C-alpha atoms as a PDB file:
ATOM      1  CA  MET A   1      61.890  77.740  11.506  1.00  0.00           C
ATOM      2  CA  ASN A   2      64.306  80.515  11.004  1.00  0.00           C
ATOM      3  CA  GLU A   3      63.850  83.979  13.607  1.00  0.00           C
ATOM      4  CA  THR A   4      65.392  87.143  12.403  1.00  0.00           C
ATOM      5  CA  LEU A   5      67.447  88.163  15.223  1.00  0.00           C
ATOM      6  CA  VAL A   6      68.588  91.936  14.887  1.00  0.00           C
ATOM      7  CA  THR A   7      70.289  94.207  16.873  1.00  0.00           C
ATOM      8  CA  VAL A   8      69.042  97.410  17.778  1.00  0.00           C
ATOM      9  CA  VAL A   9      70.410 100.586  19.119  1.00  0.00           C
ATOM     10  CA  GLY A  10      68.416 103.758  20.534  1.00  0.00           C
ATOM     11  CA  ASN A  11      67.487 105.091  23.706  1.00  0.00           C
ATOM     12  CA  VAL A  12      64.655 104.167  26.179  1.00  0.00           C
ATOM     13  CA  ALA A  13      61.519 106.027  24.893  1.00  0.00           C
ATOM     14  CA  THR A  14      59.062 105.329  27.776  1.00  0.00           C
ATOM     15  CA  GLU A  15      59.322 103.296  31.553  1.00  0.00           C
ATOM     16  CA  PRO A  16      59.726  99.954  31.423  1.00  0.00           C
ATOM     17  CA  ASP A  17      56.934  98.311  32.793  1.00  0.00           C
ATOM     18  CA  TYR A  18      56.263  95.140  34.621  1.00  0.00           C
ATOM     19  CA  ARG A  19      53.730  92.344  34.484  1.00  0.00           C
ATOM     20  CA  GLU A  20      52.947  89.411  35.511  1.00  0.00           C
ATOM     21  CA  ALA A  21      51.013  86.533  33.609  1.00  0.00           C
ATOM     22  CA  ALA A  22      48.578  84.531  35.513  1.00  0.00           C
ATOM     23  CA  ASN A  23      50.788  81.541  35.433  1.00  0.00           C
ATOM     24  CA  GLY A  24      53.407  83.690  37.301  1.00  0.00           C
ATOM     25  CA  SER A  25      55.573  84.119  34.233  1.00  0.00           C
ATOM     26  CA  PRO A  26      57.069  87.607  34.651  1.00  0.00           C
ATOM     27  CA  SER A  27      57.250  90.081  31.836  1.00  0.00           C
ATOM     28  CA  SER A  28      57.940  93.754  31.078  1.00  0.00           C
ATOM     29  CA  ARG A  29      58.456  95.749  27.880  1.00  0.00           C
ATOM     30  CA  PHE A  30      59.298  99.750  26.867  1.00  0.00           C
ATOM     31  CA  ARG A  31      59.464 101.619  23.316  1.00  0.00           C
ATOM     32  CA  LEU A  32      62.687 102.591  22.393  1.00  0.00           C
ATOM     33  CA  ALA A  33      63.411 105.360  19.827  1.00  0.00           C
ATOM     34  CA  VAL A  34      66.074 104.863  17.030  1.00  0.00           C
ATOM     35  CA  THR A  35      67.002 107.996  15.611  1.00  0.00           C
ATOM     36  CA  ALA A  36      69.391 107.872  12.601  1.00  0.00           C
ATOM     37  CA  ARG A  37      72.020 110.797  12.235  1.00  0.00           C
ATOM     38  CA  ARG A  38      73.573 111.752   9.266  1.00  0.00           C
ATOM     39  CA  TRP A  39      76.372 114.380   8.580  1.00  0.00           C
ATOM     40  CA  ASP A  40      74.769 117.063   6.645  1.00  0.00           C
ATOM     41  CA  ARG A  41      77.855 118.121   4.094  1.00  0.00           C
ATOM     42  CA  ALA A  42      76.593 121.286   3.119  1.00  0.00           C
ATOM     43  CA  LYS A  43      75.602 122.846   7.188  1.00  0.00           C
ATOM     44  CA  GLU A  44      78.974 120.543   8.376  1.00  0.00           C
ATOM     45  CA  GLU A  45      77.122 119.370  11.228  1.00  0.00           C
ATOM     46  CA  TRP A  46      75.109 116.375  12.497  1.00  0.00           C
ATOM     47  CA  ALA A  47      71.573 115.934  11.400  1.00  0.00           C
ATOM     48  CA  ASP A  48      68.378 113.833  12.971  1.00  0.00           C
ATOM     49  CA  GLY A  49      66.437 112.007  10.347  1.00  0.00           C
ATOM     50  CA  HIS A  50      63.457 109.632  10.975  1.00  0.00           C
ATOM     51  CA  THR A  51      62.548 108.305  14.057  1.00  0.00           C
ATOM     52  CA  SER A  52      61.585 104.674  14.176  1.00  0.00           C
ATOM     53  CA  PHE A  53      59.995 103.374  17.523  1.00  0.00           C
ATOM     54  CA  TYR A  54      60.299  99.596  18.253  1.00  0.00           C
ATOM     55  CA  THR A  55      58.143  97.334  21.451  1.00  0.00           C
ATOM     56  CA  VAL A  56      60.854  96.181  23.444  1.00  0.00           C
ATOM     57  CA  TRP A  57      60.143  92.908  25.504  1.00  0.00           C
ATOM     58  CA  ALA A  58      61.822  90.784  27.597  1.00  0.00           C
ATOM     59  CA  TRP A  59      60.545  87.944  29.818  1.00  0.00           C
ATOM     60  CA  ARG A  60      61.827  86.127  32.803  1.00  0.00           C
ATOM     61  CA  THR A  61      64.364  87.523  34.698  1.00  0.00           C
ATOM     62  CA  LEU A  62      65.837  89.687  31.873  1.00  0.00           C
ATOM     63  CA  ALA A  63      62.224  91.471  32.617  1.00  0.00           C
ATOM     64  CA  ALA A  64      63.079  91.892  36.487  1.00  0.00           C
ATOM     65  CA  ASN A  65      66.674  93.329  34.981  1.00  0.00           C
ATOM     66  CA  VAL A  66      65.153  95.476  32.664  1.00  0.00           C
ATOM     67  CA  VAL A  67      62.705  97.021  35.324  1.00  0.00           C
ATOM     68  CA  ALA A  68      65.784  97.547  38.057  1.00  0.00           C
ATOM     69  CA  SER A  69      67.977  98.520  35.628  1.00  0.00           C
ATOM     70  CA  LEU A  70      66.623 101.022  32.710  1.00  0.00           C
ATOM     71  CA  GLY A  71      65.412 104.463  32.760  1.00  0.00           C
ATOM     72  CA  VAL A  72      64.089 107.086  30.264  1.00  0.00           C
ATOM     73  CA  GLY A  73      66.464 108.808  27.958  1.00  0.00           C
ATOM     74  CA  GLU A  74      69.095 106.407  28.168  1.00  0.00           C
ATOM     75  CA  PRO A  75      71.632 104.727  25.417  1.00  0.00           C
ATOM     76  CA  VAL A  76      70.723 100.967  25.061  1.00  0.00           C
ATOM     77  CA  VAL A  77      72.149  98.001  23.076  1.00  0.00           C
ATOM     78  CA  VAL A  78      68.829  95.528  22.045  1.00  0.00           C
ATOM     79  CA  GLN A  79      69.441  92.332  20.497  1.00  0.00           C
ATOM     80  CA  GLY A  80      66.485  90.058  19.808  1.00  0.00           C
ATOM     81  CA  LYS A  81      64.008  88.387  17.291  1.00  0.00           C
ATOM     82  CA  LEU A  82      61.912  91.009  15.272  1.00  0.00           C
ATOM     83  CA  ARG A  83      58.437  90.434  15.192  1.00  0.00           C
ATOM     84  CA  ILE A  84      56.261  92.908  12.756  1.00  0.00           C
ATOM     85  CA  ARG A  85      52.807  93.541  13.417  1.00  0.00           C
ATOM     86  CA  GLU A  86      49.911  93.691  10.956  1.00  0.00           C
ATOM     87  CA  GLU A  87      46.250  94.811  12.828  1.00  0.00           C
ATOM     88  CA  GLU A  88      43.407  96.968  11.434  1.00  0.00           C
ATOM     89  CA  ARG A  89      41.913  99.330  14.347  1.00  0.00           C
ATOM     90  CA  GLU A  90      38.551 101.632  13.640  1.00  0.00           C
ATOM     91  CA  GLY A  91      39.156 101.174  10.088  1.00  0.00           C
ATOM     92  CA  LYS A  92      42.830 101.902   9.390  1.00  0.00           C
ATOM     93  CA  ARG A  93      45.801  99.782   8.814  1.00  0.00           C
ATOM     94  CA  TRP A  94      48.428 100.198  11.312  1.00  0.00           C
ATOM     95  CA  VAL A  95      51.437  98.073  11.152  1.00  0.00           C
ATOM     96  CA  SER A  96      53.801  98.195  14.322  1.00  0.00           C
ATOM     97  CA  ALA A  97      57.619  96.635  14.981  1.00  0.00           C
ATOM     98  CA  GLU A  98      58.290  94.587  18.113  1.00  0.00           C
ATOM     99  CA  LEU A  99      61.483  92.799  19.562  1.00  0.00           C
ATOM    100  CA  ASP A 100      61.406  89.861  21.701  1.00  0.00           C
ATOM    101  CA  ALA A 101      64.147  90.568  23.398  1.00  0.00           C
ATOM    102  CA  VAL A 102      67.303  88.166  24.182  1.00  0.00           C
ATOM    103  CA  SER A 103      69.794  90.245  25.529  1.00  0.00           C
ATOM    104  CA  VAL A 104      69.744  94.253  26.947  1.00  0.00           C
ATOM    105  CA  GLY A 105      71.989  96.554  27.880  1.00  0.00           C
ATOM    106  CA  HIS A 106      73.439 100.216  28.154  1.00  0.00           C
ATOM    107  CA  ASP A 107      75.553 101.482  25.071  1.00  0.00           C
ATOM    108  CA  LEU A 108      78.562 101.735  26.971  1.00  0.00           C
ATOM    109  CA  SER A 109      79.785 104.537  23.881  1.00  0.00           C
ATOM    110  CA  ARG A 110      77.858 107.379  24.706  1.00  0.00           C
ATOM    111  CA  GLY A 111      78.651 106.258  29.198  1.00  0.00           C
ATOM    112  CA  THR A 112      79.556 104.293  31.672  1.00  0.00           C
ATOM    113  CA  SER A 113      77.670 101.412  34.051  1.00  0.00           C
ATOM    114  CA  VAL A 114      78.198  99.012  37.363  1.00  0.00           C
ATOM    115  CA  PHE A 115      77.498  96.189  36.265  1.00  0.00           C
ATOM    116  CA  ARG A 116      76.061  93.914  40.059  1.00  0.00           C
ATOM    117  CA  ARG A 117      75.389  90.007  39.215  1.00  0.00           C
ATOM    118  CA  VAL A 118      71.713  89.030  40.454  1.00  0.00           C
ATOM    119  CA  SER A 119      71.214  85.686  42.385  1.00  0.00           C
ATOM    120  CA  PRO A 120      68.436  84.046  42.557  1.00  0.00           C
ATOM    121  CA  ALA A 121      66.841  83.712  45.702  1.00  0.00           C
ATOM    122  CA  ARG A 122      67.090  80.064  46.976  1.00  0.00           C
ATOM    123  CA  PRO A 123      66.092  78.991  50.058  1.00  0.00           C
ATOM    124  CA  ARG A 124      67.694  78.184  53.448  1.00  0.00           C
ATOM    125  CA  PRO A 125      68.572  74.663  54.099  1.00  0.00           C
ATOM    126  CA  ALA A 126      67.658  73.987  57.608  1.00  0.00           C
ATOM    127  CA  GLU A 127      70.301  73.730  60.505  1.00  0.00           C
ATOM    128  CA  SER A 128      71.770  70.672  59.429  1.00  0.00           C
ATOM    129  CA  SER A 129      75.483  69.187  58.779  1.00  0.00           C
ATOM    130  CA  VAL A 130      75.075  71.364  55.235  1.00  0.00           C
ATOM    131  CA  PRO A 131      78.390  73.496  55.690  1.00  0.00           C
ATOM    132  CA  SER A 132      77.445  77.082  54.968  1.00  0.00           C
ATOM    133  CA  ALA A 133      79.003  79.243  51.992  1.00  0.00           C
ATOM    134  CA  PRO A 134      82.097  80.821  52.035  1.00  0.00           C
ATOM    135  CA  ALA A 135      81.804  85.198  52.852  1.00  0.00           C
ATOM    136  CA  VAL A 136      81.911  86.704  48.901  1.00  0.00           C
ATOM    137  CA  PRO A 137      84.779  89.978  49.304  1.00  0.00           C
ATOM    138  CA  ALA A 138      83.146  92.572  48.368  1.00  0.00           C
ATOM    139  CA  VAL A 139      83.929  94.283  45.345  1.00  0.00           C
ATOM    140  CA  PRO A 140      86.331  97.341  44.645  1.00  0.00           C
ATOM    141  CA  ALA A 141      84.201 100.735  43.856  1.00  0.00           C
ATOM    142  CA  VAL A 142      84.703 101.815  40.425  1.00  0.00           C
ATOM    143  CA  PRO A 143      86.949 104.723  40.112  1.00  0.00           C
ATOM    144  CA  SER A 144      86.047 107.493  38.138  1.00  0.00           C
ATOM    145  CA  LEU A 145      87.544 107.816  34.808  1.00  0.00           C
ATOM    146  CA  PRO A 146      88.498 110.901  33.222  1.00  0.00           C
ATOM    147  CA  ASP A 147      86.493 112.605  29.942  1.00  0.00           C
ATOM    148  CA  ARG A 148      90.296 112.532  27.991  1.00  0.00           C
ATOM    149  CA  VAL A 149      93.044 110.558  28.143  1.00  0.00           C
ATOM    150  CA  ALA A 150      96.128 113.206  27.369  1.00  0.00           C
ATOM    151  CA  VAL A 151      98.627 111.616  24.924  1.00  0.00           C
ATOM    152  CA  PRO A 152     101.679 113.381  24.689  1.00  0.00           C
ATOM    153  CA  ALA A 153     102.716 115.525  21.419  1.00  0.00           C
ATOM    154  CA  GLY A 154     104.463 113.725  19.013  1.00  0.00           C
ATOM    155  CA  ALA A 155     103.552 110.154  20.524  1.00  0.00           C
ATOM    156  CA  GLU A 156     101.441 107.679  17.878  1.00  0.00           C
ATOM    157  CA  THR A 157      97.369 107.593  19.325  1.00  0.00           C
ATOM    158  CA  PRO A 158      96.600 103.863  19.852  1.00  0.00           C
ATOM    159  CA  PRO A 159      94.142 102.883  17.081  1.00  0.00           C
ATOM    160  CA  PHE A 160      90.537 102.252  18.587  1.00  0.00           C
END
């Protein structure tokens, strides 16, 4: 069966919530707001277009990382499987778009982020001849970056 994989860029619209199914499988969900922006030539300014909302579902480790990392208003990029749901409630037809997330991350074109690797909890071995793991060196702090980089007059700017 073919899946429709999409990438959606927008802002977190609701606080991600965390749930566990009866079998202990974790999930989280949040609403993602996506607003098209267009250049209005007449006014010579950017104008907001229609806003679409998606319900984003994350599962297992991704679910826990989403809840620990995202907050309302933060810009994100979500890649996932698109699912359109149609249902009838109180005599009205409702259509909603959902994404089963494969990957979620901050949109670094609009800010910075710091990554922290999460290692799965492992039971400690009983005192035996098992050698202990070497100590992991501390990660240096991320330096503060300037908002703009000065380019000398007459210098060619890089194409990025």
